[in-house]
C-alpha atoms as a PDB file:
ATOM      1  CA  MET A   1      83.365 173.614  45.726  1.00  0.00           C
ATOM      2  CA  THR A   2      84.395 170.357  43.761  1.00  0.00           C
ATOM      3  CA  ALA A   3      86.138 166.925  45.198  1.00  0.00           C
ATOM      4  CA  ASP A   4      89.148 168.038  42.603  1.00  0.00           C
ATOM      5  CA  GLU A   5      88.913 171.310  44.501  1.00  0.00           C
ATOM      6  CA  LEU A   6      89.192 170.180  47.920  1.00  0.00           C
ATOM      7  CA  ARG A   7      91.700 167.776  47.002  1.00  0.00           C
ATOM      8  CA  LYS A   8      93.984 170.670  45.899  1.00  0.00           C
ATOM      9  CA  GLN A   9      93.596 172.400  49.337  1.00  0.00           C
ATOM     10  CA  ARG A  10      95.745 171.640  52.576  1.00  0.00           C
ATOM     11  CA  CYS A  11      94.537 171.280  55.965  1.00  0.00           C
ATOM     12  CA  LYS A  12      95.048 174.409  58.328  1.00  0.00           C
ATOM     13  CA  PRO A  13      94.995 174.154  61.967  1.00  0.00           C
ATOM     14  CA  LEU A  14      91.780 174.939  63.508  1.00  0.00           C
ATOM     15  CA  LYS A  15      90.702 175.392  67.132  1.00  0.00           C
ATOM     16  CA  GLY A  16      87.605 176.599  68.561  1.00  0.00           C
ATOM     17  CA  LYS A  17      83.775 176.066  67.866  1.00  0.00           C
ATOM     18  CA  GLU A  18      83.986 179.173  65.390  1.00  0.00           C
ATOM     19  CA  ASN A  19      85.802 176.902  62.776  1.00  0.00           C
ATOM     20  CA  GLN A  20      83.006 174.332  62.975  1.00  0.00           C
ATOM     21  CA  LEU A  21      80.995 173.948  59.619  1.00  0.00           C
ATOM     22  CA  PRO A  22      77.492 175.168  59.642  1.00  0.00           C
ATOM     23  CA  THR A  23      75.450 171.963  58.575  1.00  0.00           C
ATOM     24  CA  VAL A  24      74.300 173.446  55.457  1.00  0.00           C
ATOM     25  CA  ARG A  25      77.885 173.834  54.428  1.00  0.00           C
ATOM     26  CA  ALA A  26      78.745 170.220  55.564  1.00  0.00           C
ATOM     27  CA  GLN A  27      75.975 168.866  53.570  1.00  0.00           C
ATOM     28  CA  GLU A  28      77.021 170.970  50.307  1.00  0.00           C
ATOM     29  CA  LEU A  29      80.650 169.470  50.836  1.00  0.00           C
ATOM     30  CA  LEU A  30      79.433 165.840  51.679  1.00  0.00           C
ATOM     31  CA  GLY A  31      77.414 166.066  48.063  1.00  0.00           C
ATOM     32  CA  THR A  32      80.659 166.296  46.391  1.00  0.00           C
ATOM     33  CA  LEU A  33      82.004 163.155  47.772  1.00  0.00           C
ATOM     34  CA  ASP A  34      81.374 159.602  46.592  1.00  0.00           C
ATOM     35  CA  GLY A  35      80.239 157.214  48.970  1.00  0.00           C
ATOM     36  CA  TRP A  36      81.107 159.534  52.210  1.00  0.00           C
ATOM     37  CA  GLU A  37      77.998 159.658  54.765  1.00  0.00           C
ATOM     38  CA  PHE A  38      77.556 161.547  58.190  1.00  0.00           C
ATOM     39  CA  GLY A  39      77.940 159.649  61.334  1.00  0.00           C
ATOM     40  CA  PRO A  40      75.732 160.081  64.145  1.00  0.00           C
ATOM     41  CA  GLY A  41      74.450 163.540  64.648  1.00  0.00           C
ATOM     42  CA  GLN A  42      76.734 164.669  62.301  1.00  0.00           C
ATOM     43  CA  ALA A  43      79.499 164.547  64.324  1.00  0.00           C
ATOM     44  CA  ASP A  44      82.061 162.916  61.845  1.00  0.00           C
ATOM     45  CA  ILE A  45      82.184 162.100  58.194  1.00  0.00           C
ATOM     46  CA  ARG A  46      82.793 158.086  57.179  1.00  0.00           C
ATOM     47  CA  ARG A  47      83.122 155.839  54.064  1.00  0.00           C
ATOM     48  CA  GLN A  48      83.843 151.881  53.939  1.00  0.00           C
ATOM     49  CA  PHE A  49      86.473 151.139  51.702  1.00  0.00           C
ATOM     50  CA  ARG A  50      86.197 147.516  50.118  1.00  0.00           C
ATOM     51  CA  PHE A  51      88.962 145.735  48.605  1.00  0.00           C
ATOM     52  CA  PRO A  52      90.140 142.298  47.295  1.00  0.00           C
ATOM     53  CA  ASP A  53      91.888 141.044  50.426  1.00  0.00           C
ATOM     54  CA  PHE A  54      93.664 142.445  53.663  1.00  0.00           C
ATOM     55  CA  LEU A  55      96.889 143.227  51.838  1.00  0.00           C
ATOM     56  CA  HIS A  56      95.231 145.667  49.879  1.00  0.00           C
ATOM     57  CA  ALA A  57      93.177 147.198  52.617  1.00  0.00           C
ATOM     58  CA  LEU A  58      96.357 147.527  54.539  1.00  0.00           C
ATOM     59  CA  ALA A  59      98.233 149.119  51.557  1.00  0.00           C
ATOM     60  CA  PHE A  60      95.209 151.820  51.680  1.00  0.00           C
ATOM     61  CA  VAL A  61      95.454 152.097  55.343  1.00  0.00           C
ATOM     62  CA  ASN A  62      99.277 153.090  54.786  1.00  0.00           C
ATOM     63  CA  ALA A  63      99.212 155.253  52.344  1.00  0.00           C
ATOM     64  CA  LEU A  64      95.986 157.132  53.926  1.00  0.00           C
ATOM     65  CA  GLY A  65      98.297 157.588  57.105  1.00  0.00           C
ATOM     66  CA  PHE A  66     100.819 158.851  55.063  1.00  0.00           C
ATOM     67  CA  ILE A  67      98.529 161.562  53.632  1.00  0.00           C
ATOM     68  CA  ALA A  68      97.192 162.676  57.208  1.00  0.00           C
ATOM     69  CA  GLU A  69     100.801 163.017  58.267  1.00  0.00           C
ATOM     70  CA  ASN A  70     101.486 165.499  55.472  1.00  0.00           C
ATOM     71  CA  GLU A  71      98.224 167.346  56.392  1.00  0.00           C
ATOM     72  CA  ASN A  72      98.692 166.812  59.899  1.00  0.00           C
ATOM     73  CA  HIS A  73      94.787 165.845  60.119  1.00  0.00           C
ATOM     74  CA  HIS A  74      94.144 162.242  61.529  1.00  0.00           C
ATOM     75  CA  PRO A  75      91.440 159.882  60.840  1.00  0.00           C
ATOM     76  CA  ASP A  76      90.240 156.967  62.734  1.00  0.00           C
ATOM     77  CA  LEU A  77      90.468 154.038  60.954  1.00  0.00           C
ATOM     78  CA  GLU A  78      88.656 150.225  61.418  1.00  0.00           C
ATOM     79  CA  LEU A  79      90.838 147.824  59.343  1.00  0.00           C
ATOM     80  CA  GLY A  80      89.356 144.344  58.468  1.00  0.00           C
ATOM     81  CA  TRP A  81      89.577 141.801  55.905  1.00  0.00           C
ATOM     82  CA  GLY A  82      88.818 143.422  52.819  1.00  0.00           C
ATOM     83  CA  ARG A  83      87.583 146.525  54.366  1.00  0.00           C
ATOM     84  CA  CYS A  84      88.434 149.822  56.178  1.00  0.00           C
ATOM     85  CA  LEU A  85      86.478 152.167  57.856  1.00  0.00           C
ATOM     86  CA  VAL A  86      87.393 155.600  57.928  1.00  0.00           C
ATOM     87  CA  ARG A  87      86.165 158.672  59.932  1.00  0.00           C
ATOM     88  CA  PHE A  88      86.972 162.184  60.067  1.00  0.00           C
ATOM     89  CA  SER A  89      86.243 164.942  62.576  1.00  0.00           C
ATOM     90  CA  THR A  90      88.053 167.998  63.797  1.00  0.00           C
ATOM     91  CA  HIS A  91      88.104 167.018  67.614  1.00  0.00           C
ATOM     92  CA  ASP A  92      89.838 170.591  68.360  1.00  0.00           C
ATOM     93  CA  VAL A  93      86.570 172.457  66.679  1.00  0.00           C
ATOM     94  CA  GLY A  94      84.020 169.796  68.442  1.00  0.00           C
ATOM     95  CA  GLY A  95      82.802 168.620  64.813  1.00  0.00           C
ATOM     96  CA  LEU A  96      83.165 169.089  61.059  1.00  0.00           C
ATOM     97  CA  SER A  97      85.830 171.525  59.606  1.00  0.00           C
ATOM     98  CA  LEU A  98      86.746 172.062  55.937  1.00  0.00           C
ATOM     99  CA  ASN A  99      89.978 170.010  56.815  1.00  0.00           C
ATOM    100  CA  ASP A 100      87.668 166.873  57.148  1.00  0.00           C
ATOM    101  CA  PHE A 101      86.513 167.326  53.637  1.00  0.00           C
ATOM    102  CA  ILE A 102      90.146 168.036  52.619  1.00  0.00           C
ATOM    103  CA  CYS A 103      91.332 164.534  53.626  1.00  0.00           C
ATOM    104  CA  ALA A 104      88.074 162.891  52.796  1.00  0.00           C
ATOM    105  CA  ALA A 105      88.696 164.082  48.944  1.00  0.00           C
ATOM    106  CA  LYS A 106      92.658 162.650  49.231  1.00  0.00           C
ATOM    107  CA  ALA A 107      91.609 159.506  50.579  1.00  0.00           C
ATOM    108  CA  ASP A 108      89.030 159.229  47.498  1.00  0.00           C
ATOM    109  CA  ALA A 109      92.029 160.133  45.371  1.00  0.00           C
ATOM    110  CA  LEU A 110      93.899 157.205  46.638  1.00  0.00           C
ATOM    111  CA  LEU A 111      91.509 154.710  44.695  1.00  0.00           C
ATOM    112  CA  ALA A 112      91.945 156.335  41.215  1.00  0.00           C
ATOM    113  CA  ARG A 113      95.476 155.607  41.337  1.00  0.00           C
END
């Protein structure tokens, strides 16, 4: 699956460990995304986005917030001057799900605009 294919998908409500991605599949999907990495214990995926100033970082957070609401899948965000750390995980499955990679691909697309 490519990043473009991920972006075209929609998040689905997922609950339970049976919806957690196997490590090998999560590694494959991570390989399709630029700049994303696993967090400690592969419990999340994360990327630090850089911007020329605070206002651009804030605009990115607001646009990503709109996507997150639309997908009903919300990241953990850390906003600072010229940067935003984005972390996705699916708490209802206790780890990573396909939803995390869908939203990460959509976050990347914000920079292409």
